[in-house]
Amino acid sequence: MDRFGSLREKLLTALPRLELRQQEPMSRHTSFKVGGPAALMACPGSMEELSVILKLAGEEGIRPFFLGKGSNLLVSDRGVDEFVIKIAGGITELRLEGETTLYVGAGVTLAQAANFAADHGLTGLEFAHGIPGTMGGGLFMNAGAYDGELVQVVRSADCLDERGECRGLEKDQLELGYRHSVFARLPWLITGVRLELRRGEQAEIRAKMADLAQRRRDKQPLEYPSAGSTFKRPEGHFAGGLIEQCGLKGTAVGGAQVSEKHAGFLINRGNATCQDILDLIRLVRKTVMEQTGVKLEPEVRMLGVRVDD
């Protein structure tokens, strides 16, 4: 039975220009390049379309899964019986508000936002230049790298609730912590984020971004599909250091491998399945726990699978 049939018909009636896809392969939408089909995917191009989509989904009792660039997502090989709303490319407003406030639409990539800030002589967002996700996904998990996190620069966020109505949340309402935000439990869609930056010298900002980009190229396996750092940083340790300490660099399951360049990255060597990656995550966790007593928690989000199954 097609549980999205009624919703699909309502969407097509209300939004005849909306791009709707059935049985859309999620491997096309994740940086791991794996994942079976999603039952229904909507690719809205405007806030107006988004509002209608959420309103109609709410009326049908359906909670959508919000997808940015899929840069931190592992999806079941079998596919998922989900209604996916793809934000990346659809909410791309990017503007200055006053002298140092930057408004970034949820579908804007973190790299685009960092470049825009640099072009306007604003510092504070350099760390985000190499993070491969969108601003919406970045806020969802309080993305960070190289001693920087979005919590350091976020001022507020705009959202659409389950009825498609606009809401605003101030920073202290966002519950930003290590790879966490209020959106882990709140079924609202992030539509835009306000960042409070500082004036800086454009040449210095660009130099810092170039330095961080070089450090990433030197230390991270950017030539392979991955979801970045696979595991959260355990208190008092570094996940990559523990994995390397346990002799797991280069360990492979099917087409998935612990990167030989950075043990904190699990990579797709070209023909990995979700199951390969999941089995490798489990192997790494088991080995590290047995040898060090430290329990590694995945940083990557999972759809249709669970690491503890």
C-alpha atoms as a PDB file:
ATOM      1  CA  MET A   1       0.000   0.000   0.000  1.00  0.00           C
ATOM      2  CA  ASP A   2       1.246   3.464  -0.936  1.00  0.00           C
ATOM      3  CA  ARG A   3       0.924   5.439   2.281  1.00  0.00           C
ATOM      4  CA  PHE A   4       1.902   8.650   0.498  1.00  0.00           C
ATOM      5  CA  GLY A   5      -0.666   8.394  -2.302  1.00  0.00           C
ATOM      6  CA  SER A   6      -3.102  10.879  -0.787  1.00  0.00           C
ATOM      7  CA  LEU A   7      -0.339  13.352   0.045  1.00  0.00           C
ATOM      8  CA  ARG A   8       1.116  13.078  -3.447  1.00  0.00           C
ATOM      9  CA  GLU A   9      -2.227  13.856  -5.046  1.00  0.00           C
ATOM     10  CA  LYS A  10      -2.789  16.844  -2.756  1.00  0.00           C
ATOM     11  CA  LEU A  11       0.692  18.167  -3.494  1.00  0.00           C
ATOM     12  CA  LEU A  12       0.236  17.835  -7.247  1.00  0.00           C
ATOM     13  CA  THR A  13      -3.099  19.639  -7.039  1.00  0.00           C
ATOM     14  CA  ALA A  14      -1.887  22.479  -4.806  1.00  0.00           C
ATOM     15  CA  LEU A  15       1.582  22.815  -6.377  1.00  0.00           C
ATOM     16  CA  PRO A  16       1.459  21.649 -10.017  1.00  0.00           C
ATOM     17  CA  ARG A  17       5.014  22.910 -10.654  1.00  0.00           C
ATOM     18  CA  LEU A  18       6.523  21.136  -7.643  1.00  0.00           C
ATOM     19  CA  GLU A  19       9.229  18.596  -8.463  1.00  0.00           C
ATOM     20  CA  LEU A  20       8.089  15.287  -6.946  1.00  0.00           C
ATOM     21  CA  ARG A  21      10.025  12.049  -7.310  1.00  0.00           C
ATOM     22  CA  GLN A  22       8.900   8.534  -6.444  1.00  0.00           C
ATOM     23  CA  GLN A  23      11.349   5.782  -5.462  1.00  0.00           C
ATOM     24  CA  GLU A  24      14.246   8.233  -5.702  1.00  0.00           C
ATOM     25  CA  PRO A  25      17.661   6.557  -5.112  1.00  0.00           C
ATOM     26  CA  MET A  26      19.209   8.133  -2.020  1.00  0.00           C
ATOM     27  CA  SER A  27      22.661   7.200  -3.297  1.00  0.00           C
ATOM     28  CA  ARG A  28      22.283  10.279  -5.520  1.00  0.00           C
ATOM     29  CA  HIS A  29      21.805  12.498  -2.484  1.00  0.00           C
ATOM     30  CA  THR A  30      24.379  11.348   0.082  1.00  0.00           C
ATOM     31  CA  SER A  31      28.111  11.996   0.211  1.00  0.00           C
ATOM     32  CA  PHE A  32      28.679   8.281   0.989  1.00  0.00           C
ATOM     33  CA  LYS A  33      27.077   7.540  -2.432  1.00  0.00           C
ATOM     34  CA  VAL A  34      25.025   4.692  -0.967  1.00  0.00           C
ATOM     35  CA  GLY A  35      21.356   4.198  -0.118  1.00  0.00           C
ATOM     36  CA  GLY A  36      18.248   2.691  -1.671  1.00  0.00           C
ATOM     37  CA  PRO A  37      15.136   4.560  -2.816  1.00  0.00           C
ATOM     38  CA  ALA A  38      13.047   6.970  -0.784  1.00  0.00           C
ATOM     39  CA  ALA A  39       9.329   6.412  -1.334  1.00  0.00           C
ATOM     40  CA  LEU A  40       8.623  10.070  -2.119  1.00  0.00           C
ATOM     41  CA  MET A  41      10.864  13.105  -2.451  1.00  0.00           C
ATOM     42  CA  ALA A  42       9.871  16.743  -2.884  1.00  0.00           C
ATOM     43  CA  CYS A  43      12.344  19.328  -4.159  1.00  0.00           C
ATOM     44  CA  PRO A  44      10.750  22.699  -3.382  1.00  0.00           C
ATOM     45  CA  GLY A  45      12.125  25.849  -4.915  1.00  0.00           C
ATOM     46  CA  SER A  46      10.630  28.458  -2.612  1.00  0.00           C
ATOM     47  CA  MET A  47       9.458  29.193   0.907  1.00  0.00           C
ATOM     48  CA  GLU A  48       5.887  29.333  -0.357  1.00  0.00           C
ATOM     49  CA  GLU A  49       6.109  25.781  -1.688  1.00  0.00           C
ATOM     50  CA  LEU A  50       7.731  24.604   1.541  1.00  0.00           C
ATOM     51  CA  SER A  51       4.968  26.081   3.655  1.00  0.00           C
ATOM     52  CA  VAL A  52       2.274  24.335   1.619  1.00  0.00           C
ATOM     53  CA  ILE A  53       4.181  21.020   1.657  1.00  0.00           C
ATOM     54  CA  LEU A  54       4.515  21.044   5.436  1.00  0.00           C
ATOM     55  CA  LYS A  55       0.885  22.041   5.934  1.00  0.00           C
ATOM     56  CA  LEU A  56      -0.368  19.210   3.720  1.00  0.00           C
ATOM     57  CA  ALA A  57       2.027  16.660   5.240  1.00  0.00           C
ATOM     58  CA  GLY A  58       0.842  17.697   8.705  1.00  0.00           C
ATOM     59  CA  GLU A  59      -2.781  17.236   7.695  1.00  0.00           C
ATOM     60  CA  GLU A  60      -1.927  13.708   6.526  1.00  0.00           C
ATOM     61  CA  GLY A  61      -0.123  12.939   9.786  1.00  0.00           C
ATOM     62  CA  ILE A  62       3.187  12.499   7.973  1.00  0.00           C
ATOM     63  CA  ARG A  63       6.460  13.720   9.466  1.00  0.00           C
ATOM     64  CA  PRO A  64       8.911  14.475   6.632  1.00  0.00           C
ATOM     65  CA  PHE A  65      12.628  13.795   6.683  1.00  0.00           C
ATOM     66  CA  PHE A  66      14.555  16.981   5.885  1.00  0.00           C
ATOM     67  CA  LEU A  67      17.555  16.527   3.597  1.00  0.00           C
ATOM     68  CA  GLY A  68      20.304  19.013   2.828  1.00  0.00           C
ATOM     69  CA  LYS A  69      23.339  17.757   0.899  1.00  0.00           C
ATOM     70  CA  GLY A  70      23.337  14.411   2.694  1.00  0.00           C
ATOM     71  CA  SER A  71      26.924  14.941   3.810  1.00  0.00           C
ATOM     72  CA  ASN A  72      26.358  13.318   7.204  1.00  0.00           C
ATOM     73  CA  LEU A  73      23.866  10.603   6.325  1.00  0.00           C
ATOM     74  CA  LEU A  74      23.862   6.818   5.908  1.00  0.00           C
ATOM     75  CA  VAL A  75      20.749   5.333   4.269  1.00  0.00           C
ATOM     76  CA  SER A  76      19.638   1.692   4.143  1.00  0.00           C
ATOM     77  CA  ASP A  77      20.369  -0.287   0.979  1.00  0.00           C
ATOM     78  CA  ARG A  78      16.735  -1.450   1.044  1.00  0.00           C
ATOM     79  CA  GLY A  79      15.496   2.100   0.804  1.00  0.00           C
ATOM     80  CA  VAL A  80      13.172   3.921   3.176  1.00  0.00           C
ATOM     81  CA  ASP A  81       9.418   4.399   3.363  1.00  0.00           C
ATOM     82  CA  GLU A  82       9.847   8.112   3.977  1.00  0.00           C
ATOM     83  CA  PHE A  83       8.660  11.412   2.594  1.00  0.00           C
ATOM     84  CA  VAL A  84      11.892  13.314   2.011  1.00  0.00           C
ATOM     85  CA  ILE A  85      12.027  17.067   1.494  1.00  0.00           C
ATOM     86  CA  LYS A  86      15.283  18.093  -0.164  1.00  0.00           C
ATOM     87  CA  ILE A  87      16.297  21.597   0.890  1.00  0.00           C
ATOM     88  CA  ALA A  88      19.707  21.969  -0.786  1.00  0.00           C
ATOM     89  CA  GLY A  89      19.380  24.307  -3.760  1.00  0.00           C
ATOM     90  CA  GLY A  90      15.915  25.463  -2.776  1.00  0.00           C
ATOM     91  CA  ILE A  91      16.352  28.070  -0.022  1.00  0.00           C
ATOM     92  CA  THR A  92      19.371  30.045  -1.116  1.00  0.00           C
ATOM     93  CA  GLU A  93      18.892  33.565   0.226  1.00  0.00           C
ATOM     94  CA  LEU A  94      22.199  35.090   1.298  1.00  0.00           C
ATOM     95  CA  ARG A  95      22.444  38.693   2.432  1.00  0.00           C
ATOM     96  CA  LEU A  96      23.935  41.173   4.853  1.00  0.00           C
ATOM     97  CA  GLU A  97      21.735  42.665   7.567  1.00  0.00           C
ATOM     98  CA  GLY A  98      23.504  45.739   8.847  1.00  0.00           C
ATOM     99  CA  GLU A  99      27.288  45.782   9.182  1.00  0.00           C
ATOM    100  CA  THR A 100      28.152  42.372  10.606  1.00  0.00           C
ATOM    101  CA  THR A 101      25.024  40.171  10.549  1.00  0.00           C
ATOM    102  CA  LEU A 102      24.801  37.573   7.808  1.00  0.00           C
ATOM    103  CA  TYR A 103      21.483  35.931   6.888  1.00  0.00           C
ATOM    104  CA  VAL A 104      21.975  32.509   5.331  1.00  0.00           C
ATOM    105  CA  GLY A 105      19.193  30.415   3.790  1.00  0.00           C
ATOM    106  CA  ALA A 106      19.101  26.787   4.891  1.00  0.00           C
ATOM    107  CA  GLY A 107      19.947  25.513   1.407  1.00  0.00           C
ATOM    108  CA  VAL A 108      23.120  27.611   1.099  1.00  0.00           C
ATOM    109  CA  THR A 109      26.278  25.565   1.530  1.00  0.00           C
ATOM    110  CA  LEU A 110      28.598  26.412   4.403  1.00  0.00           C
ATOM    111  CA  ALA A 111      31.339  27.014   1.835  1.00  0.00           C
ATOM    112  CA  GLN A 112      29.178  29.572   0.000  1.00  0.00           C
ATOM    113  CA  ALA A 113      28.368  31.335   3.264  1.00  0.00           C
ATOM    114  CA  ALA A 114      32.038  31.451   4.276  1.00  0.00           C
ATOM    115  CA  ASN A 115      33.038  32.847   0.886  1.00  0.00           C
ATOM    116  CA  PHE A 116      30.295  35.475   1.033  1.00  0.00           C
ATOM    117  CA  ALA A 117      31.473  36.527   4.487  1.00  0.00           C
ATOM    118  CA  ALA A 118      35.065  36.763   3.257  1.00  0.00           C
ATOM    119  CA  ASP A 119      34.009  38.846   0.248  1.00  0.00           C
ATOM    120  CA  HIS A 120      32.469  41.341   2.681  1.00  0.00           C
ATOM    121  CA  GLY A 121      35.408  41.434   5.060  1.00  0.00           C
ATOM    122  CA  LEU A 122      33.659  39.470   7.827  1.00  0.00           C
ATOM    123  CA  THR A 123      35.571  37.029   9.995  1.00  0.00           C
ATOM    124  CA  GLY A 124      34.410  34.199  12.241  1.00  0.00           C
ATOM    125  CA  LEU A 125      33.149  31.706   9.660  1.00  0.00           C
ATOM    126  CA  GLU A 126      36.460  30.591   8.159  1.00  0.00           C
ATOM    127  CA  PHE A 127      36.298  27.207   9.914  1.00  0.00           C
ATOM    128  CA  ALA A 128      33.130  26.315   7.980  1.00  0.00           C
ATOM    129  CA  HIS A 129      34.643  26.784   4.528  1.00  0.00           C
ATOM    130  CA  GLY A 130      35.576  23.109   4.134  1.00  0.00           C
ATOM    131  CA  ILE A 131      32.509  21.551   5.766  1.00  0.00           C
ATOM    132  CA  PRO A 132      30.546  19.976   2.889  1.00  0.00           C
ATOM    133  CA  GLY A 133      26.987  20.519   4.139  1.00  0.00           C
ATOM    134  CA  THR A 134      24.322  23.201   4.035  1.00  0.00           C
ATOM    135  CA  MET A 135      23.591  25.835   6.646  1.00  0.00           C
ATOM    136  CA  GLY A 136      20.399  24.013   7.634  1.00  0.00           C
ATOM    137  CA  GLY A 137      22.202  20.734   8.158  1.00  0.00           C
ATOM    138  CA  GLY A 138      25.066  22.548   9.830  1.00  0.00           C
ATOM    139  CA  LEU A 139      22.804  24.159  12.410  1.00  0.00           C
ATOM    140  CA  PHE A 140      20.935  20.888  12.965  1.00  0.00           C
ATOM    141  CA  MET A 141      24.152  19.277  14.238  1.00  0.00           C
ATOM    142  CA  ASN A 142      26.049  22.408  15.314  1.00  0.00           C
ATOM    143  CA  ALA A 143      28.715  21.622  12.732  1.00  0.00           C
ATOM    144  CA  GLY A 144      32.288  22.448  13.486  1.00  0.00           C
ATOM    145  CA  ALA A 145      35.913  21.941  12.507  1.00  0.00           C
ATOM    146  CA  TYR A 146      39.344  23.206  13.520  1.00  0.00           C
ATOM    147  CA  ASP A 147      38.234  24.628  16.878  1.00  0.00           C
ATOM    148  CA  GLY A 148      35.245  26.419  15.356  1.00  0.00           C
ATOM    149  CA  GLU A 149      31.539  25.620  15.748  1.00  0.00           C
ATOM    150  CA  LEU A 150      28.397  27.349  14.539  1.00  0.00           C
ATOM    151  CA  VAL A 151      27.362  27.993  18.154  1.00  0.00           C
ATOM    152  CA  GLN A 152      30.150  30.580  18.235  1.00  0.00           C
ATOM    153  CA  VAL A 153      28.525  32.739  15.551  1.00  0.00           C
ATOM    154  CA  VAL A 154      24.796  31.889  15.463  1.00  0.00           C
ATOM    155  CA  ARG A 155      22.396  34.581  16.658  1.00  0.00           C
ATOM    156  CA  SER A 156      18.987  33.171  15.703  1.00  0.00           C
ATOM    157  CA  ALA A 157      17.173  30.867  13.306  1.00  0.00           C
ATOM    158  CA  ASP A 158      13.997  31.010  11.240  1.00  0.00           C
ATOM    159  CA  CYS A 159      11.880  27.856  10.903  1.00  0.00           C
ATOM    160  CA  LEU A 160       8.639  26.457   9.581  1.00  0.00           C
ATOM    161  CA  ASP A 161       6.635  24.391  12.058  1.00  0.00           C
ATOM    162  CA  GLU A 162       4.635  21.235  11.306  1.00  0.00           C
ATOM    163  CA  ARG A 163       1.739  23.394  10.099  1.00  0.00           C
ATOM    164  CA  GLY A 164       3.939  25.323   7.703  1.00  0.00           C
ATOM    165  CA  GLU A 165       3.848  28.469   9.837  1.00  0.00           C
ATOM    166  CA  CYS A 166       6.891  30.693  10.352  1.00  0.00           C
ATOM    167  CA  ARG A 167       8.667  30.560  13.704  1.00  0.00           C
ATOM    168  CA  GLY A 168      11.779  32.218  15.073  1.00  0.00           C
ATOM    169  CA  LEU A 169      14.189  30.864  17.659  1.00  0.00           C
ATOM    170  CA  GLU A 170      16.839  32.887  19.474  1.00  0.00           C
ATOM    171  CA  LYS A 171      20.235  31.379  20.189  1.00  0.00           C
ATOM    172  CA  ASP A 172      19.392  30.383  23.757  1.00  0.00           C
ATOM    173  CA  GLN A 173      16.399  28.395  22.452  1.00  0.00           C
ATOM    174  CA  LEU A 174      18.459  26.369  19.980  1.00  0.00           C
ATOM    175  CA  GLU A 175      20.061  24.101  22.616  1.00  0.00           C
ATOM    176  CA  LEU A 176      23.324  24.059  20.712  1.00  0.00           C
ATOM    177  CA  GLY A 177      25.837  21.553  22.061  1.00  0.00           C
ATOM    178  CA  TYR A 178      28.404  19.156  20.669  1.00  0.00           C
ATOM    179  CA  ARG A 179      26.839  17.928  17.399  1.00  0.00           C
ATOM    180  CA  HIS A 180      23.394  18.664  18.788  1.00  0.00           C
ATOM    181  CA  SER A 181      20.552  21.152  18.552  1.00  0.00           C
ATOM    182  CA  VAL A 182      16.909  21.407  19.559  1.00  0.00           C
ATOM    183  CA  PHE A 183      15.950  20.126  16.089  1.00  0.00           C
ATOM    184  CA  ALA A 184      16.931  16.585  17.080  1.00  0.00           C
ATOM    185  CA  ARG A 185      13.554  16.488  18.889  1.00  0.00           C
ATOM    186  CA  LEU A 186      11.635  19.410  17.371  1.00  0.00           C
ATOM    187  CA  PRO A 187       9.953  18.568  14.030  1.00  0.00           C
ATOM    188  CA  TRP A 188      10.530  22.016  12.572  1.00  0.00           C
ATOM    189  CA  LEU A 189      12.331  22.832   9.365  1.00  0.00           C
ATOM    190  CA  ILE A 190      15.216  25.298   9.544  1.00  0.00           C
ATOM    191  CA  THR A 191      14.795  27.856   6.754  1.00  0.00           C
ATOM    192  CA  GLY A 192      17.422  30.466   7.599  1.00  0.00           C
ATOM    193  CA  VAL A 193      20.114  31.347  10.125  1.00  0.00           C
ATOM    194  CA  ARG A 194      21.453  34.692  11.311  1.00  0.00           C
ATOM    195  CA  LEU A 195      25.163  34.785  12.048  1.00  0.00           C
ATOM    196  CA  GLU A 196      26.868  37.534  14.025  1.00  0.00           C
ATOM    197  CA  LEU A 197      30.364  37.997  12.617  1.00  0.00           C
ATOM    198  CA  ARG A 198      33.141  40.573  13.067  1.00  0.00           C
ATOM    199  CA  ARG A 199      34.916  42.989  10.785  1.00  0.00           C
ATOM    200  CA  GLY A 200      38.280  41.718   9.582  1.00  0.00           C
ATOM    201  CA  GLU A 201      40.951  42.130   6.940  1.00  0.00           C
ATOM    202  CA  GLN A 202      39.913  40.334   3.785  1.00  0.00           C
ATOM    203  CA  ALA A 203      43.458  39.193   3.000  1.00  0.00           C
ATOM    204  CA  GLU A 204      43.825  37.644   6.465  1.00  0.00           C
ATOM    205  CA  ILE A 205      40.436  35.935   6.204  1.00  0.00           C
ATOM    206  CA  ARG A 206      41.309  34.445   2.815  1.00  0.00           C
ATOM    207  CA  ALA A 207      44.736  33.356   4.071  1.00  0.00           C
ATOM    208  CA  LYS A 208      43.157  31.525   7.009  1.00  0.00           C
ATOM    209  CA  MET A 209      40.643  29.806   4.729  1.00  0.00           C
ATOM    210  CA  ALA A 210      43.436  28.748   2.375  1.00  0.00           C
ATOM    211  CA  ASP A 211      45.472  27.393   5.289  1.00  0.00           C
ATOM    212  CA  LEU A 212      42.553  25.338   6.603  1.00  0.00           C
ATOM    213  CA  ALA A 213      41.805  24.046   3.088  1.00  0.00           C
ATOM    214  CA  GLN A 214      45.413  22.895   2.702  1.00  0.00           C
ATOM    215  CA  ARG A 215      45.317  21.186   6.089  1.00  0.00           C
ATOM    216  CA  ARG A 216      42.190  19.311   5.018  1.00  0.00           C
ATOM    217  CA  ARG A 217      43.774  18.202   1.747  1.00  0.00           C
ATOM    218  CA  ASP A 218      46.874  17.015   3.592  1.00  0.00           C
ATOM    219  CA  LYS A 219      45.074  15.100   6.346  1.00  0.00           C
ATOM    220  CA  GLN A 220      41.687  14.009   5.048  1.00  0.00           C
ATOM    221  CA  PRO A 221      40.738  11.477   2.309  1.00  0.00           C
ATOM    222  CA  LEU A 222      38.802  14.005   0.257  1.00  0.00           C
ATOM    223  CA  GLU A 223      39.212  11.910  -2.897  1.00  0.00           C
ATOM    224  CA  TYR A 224      36.777   9.251  -1.599  1.00  0.00           C
ATOM    225  CA  PRO A 225      33.077   9.394  -0.737  1.00  0.00           C
ATOM    226  CA  SER A 226      32.584   9.646   3.018  1.00  0.00           C
ATOM    227  CA  ALA A 227      30.529  11.429   5.654  1.00  0.00           C
ATOM    228  CA  GLY A 228      33.503  13.222   7.176  1.00  0.00           C
ATOM    229  CA  SER A 229      34.346  12.205  10.716  1.00  0.00           C
ATOM    230  CA  THR A 230      32.330   9.045  11.300  1.00  0.00           C
ATOM    231  CA  PHE A 231      32.425   9.137  15.106  1.00  0.00           C
ATOM    232  CA  LYS A 232      31.875  11.804  17.717  1.00  0.00           C
ATOM    233  CA  ARG A 233      34.866  12.917  19.755  1.00  0.00           C
ATOM    234  CA  PRO A 234      34.846  10.883  22.988  1.00  0.00           C
ATOM    235  CA  GLU A 235      35.578  12.882  26.126  1.00  0.00           C
ATOM    236  CA  GLY A 236      39.320  13.073  26.698  1.00  0.00           C
ATOM    237  CA  HIS A 237      40.185  11.362  23.405  1.00  0.00           C
ATOM    238  CA  PHE A 238      40.153  11.693  19.642  1.00  0.00           C
ATOM    239  CA  ALA A 239      38.235   9.020  17.755  1.00  0.00           C
ATOM    240  CA  GLY A 240      40.776   8.836  14.932  1.00  0.00           C
ATOM    241  CA  GLY A 241      43.639   8.427  17.397  1.00  0.00           C
ATOM    242  CA  LEU A 242      41.900   5.573  19.208  1.00  0.00           C
ATOM    243  CA  ILE A 243      41.073   3.805  15.944  1.00  0.00           C
ATOM    244  CA  GLU A 244      44.664   4.102  14.734  1.00  0.00           C
ATOM    245  CA  GLN A 245      45.964   2.974  18.123  1.00  0.00           C
ATOM    246  CA  CYS A 246      43.919  -0.200  17.728  1.00  0.00           C
ATOM    247  CA  GLY A 247      45.604  -0.973  14.398  1.00  0.00           C
ATOM    248  CA  LEU A 248      42.486  -0.451  12.324  1.00  0.00           C
ATOM    249  CA  LYS A 249      43.839   1.908   9.652  1.00  0.00           C
ATOM    250  CA  GLY A 250      43.131   0.352   6.266  1.00  0.00           C
ATOM    251  CA  THR A 251      40.711  -2.241   7.671  1.00  0.00           C
ATOM    252  CA  ALA A 252      38.021  -3.008   5.101  1.00  0.00           C
ATOM    253  CA  VAL A 253      34.596  -4.617   4.972  1.00  0.00           C
ATOM    254  CA  GLY A 254      33.498  -5.078   1.387  1.00  0.00           C
ATOM    255  CA  GLY A 255      33.926  -1.713  -0.329  1.00  0.00           C
ATOM    256  CA  ALA A 256      34.101   0.258   2.944  1.00  0.00           C
ATOM    257  CA  GLN A 257      37.446   1.035   4.548  1.00  0.00           C
ATOM    258  CA  VAL A 258      38.970   2.850   7.498  1.00  0.00           C
ATOM    259  CA  SER A 259      40.938   5.533   5.695  1.00  0.00           C
ATOM    260  CA  GLU A 260      44.683   5.009   5.628  1.00  0.00           C
ATOM    261  CA  LYS A 261      45.057   8.777   5.600  1.00  0.00           C
ATOM    262  CA  HIS A 262      42.834   9.609   8.600  1.00  0.00           C
ATOM    263  CA  ALA A 263      41.482   6.784  10.768  1.00  0.00           C
ATOM    264  CA  GLY A 264      38.513   8.899  11.857  1.00  0.00           C
ATOM    265  CA  PHE A 265      37.099   8.696   8.317  1.00  0.00           C
ATOM    266  CA  LEU A 266      35.314   5.620   6.992  1.00  0.00           C
ATOM    267  CA  ILE A 267      35.311   5.801   3.212  1.00  0.00           C
ATOM    268  CA  ASN A 268      33.584   4.238   0.222  1.00  0.00           C
ATOM    269  CA  ARG A 269      36.337   2.810  -1.976  1.00  0.00           C
ATOM    270  CA  GLY A 270      33.923   2.817  -4.903  1.00  0.00           C
ATOM    271  CA  ASN A 271      31.562  -0.130  -4.521  1.00  0.00           C
ATOM    272  CA  ALA A 272      30.551  -0.024  -0.854  1.00  0.00           C
ATOM    273  CA  THR A 273      27.019  -0.689   0.299  1.00  0.00           C
ATOM    274  CA  CYS A 274      25.316   0.768   3.331  1.00  0.00           C
ATOM    275  CA  GLN A 275      25.675  -2.667   4.951  1.00  0.00           C
ATOM    276  CA  ASP A 276      29.448  -2.634   4.349  1.00  0.00           C
ATOM    277  CA  ILE A 277      29.743   0.755   6.046  1.00  0.00           C
ATOM    278  CA  LEU A 278      27.465  -0.265   8.898  1.00  0.00           C
ATOM    279  CA  ASP A 279      29.382  -3.503   9.494  1.00  0.00           C
ATOM    280  CA  LEU A 280      32.661  -1.573   9.502  1.00  0.00           C
ATOM    281  CA  ILE A 281      31.278   0.935  12.012  1.00  0.00           C
ATOM    282  CA  ARG A 282      30.303  -1.966  14.257  1.00  0.00           C
ATOM    283  CA  LEU A 283      33.708  -3.629  13.881  1.00  0.00           C
ATOM    284  CA  VAL A 284      35.527  -0.404  14.745  1.00  0.00           C
ATOM    285  CA  ARG A 285      33.313   0.237  17.788  1.00  0.00           C
ATOM    286  CA  LYS A 286      33.733  -3.337  19.063  1.00  0.00           C
ATOM    287  CA  THR A 287      37.514  -3.320  18.632  1.00  0.00           C
ATOM    288  CA  VAL A 288      38.017   0.092  20.231  1.00  0.00           C
ATOM    289  CA  MET A 289      35.794  -0.840  23.164  1.00  0.00           C
ATOM    290  CA  GLU A 290      37.638  -4.129  23.724  1.00  0.00           C
ATOM    291  CA  GLN A 291      41.093  -2.593  23.508  1.00  0.00           C
ATOM    292  CA  THR A 292      40.586   0.790  25.173  1.00  0.00           C
ATOM    293  CA  GLY A 293      37.301   0.675  27.077  1.00  0.00           C
ATOM    294  CA  VAL A 294      36.058   3.725  25.154  1.00  0.00           C
ATOM    295  CA  LYS A 295      32.647   3.537  23.478  1.00  0.00           C
ATOM    296  CA  LEU A 296      32.573   5.350  20.149  1.00  0.00           C
ATOM    297  CA  GLU A 297      29.281   6.961  19.167  1.00  0.00           C
ATOM    298  CA  PRO A 298      28.560   7.538  15.468  1.00  0.00           C
ATOM    299  CA  GLU A 299      28.386  11.146  14.366  1.00  0.00           C
ATOM    300  CA  VAL A 300      26.779  10.198  11.063  1.00  0.00           C
ATOM    301  CA  ARG A 301      22.965  10.193  11.029  1.00  0.00           C
ATOM    302  CA  MET A 302      21.246   6.989   9.976  1.00  0.00           C
ATOM    303  CA  LEU A 303      18.025   6.510   8.043  1.00  0.00           C
ATOM    304  CA  GLY A 304      16.466   3.073   7.882  1.00  0.00           C
ATOM    305  CA  VAL A 305      19.298   1.427   9.830  1.00  0.00           C
ATOM    306  CA  ARG A 306      20.611   1.426  13.397  1.00  0.00           C
ATOM    307  CA  VAL A 307      24.156   0.777  14.489  1.00  0.00           C
ATOM    308  CA  ASP A 308      23.037  -1.223  17.529  1.00  0.00           C
ATOM    309  CA  ASP A 309      20.756  -3.611  15.624  1.00  0.00           C
END
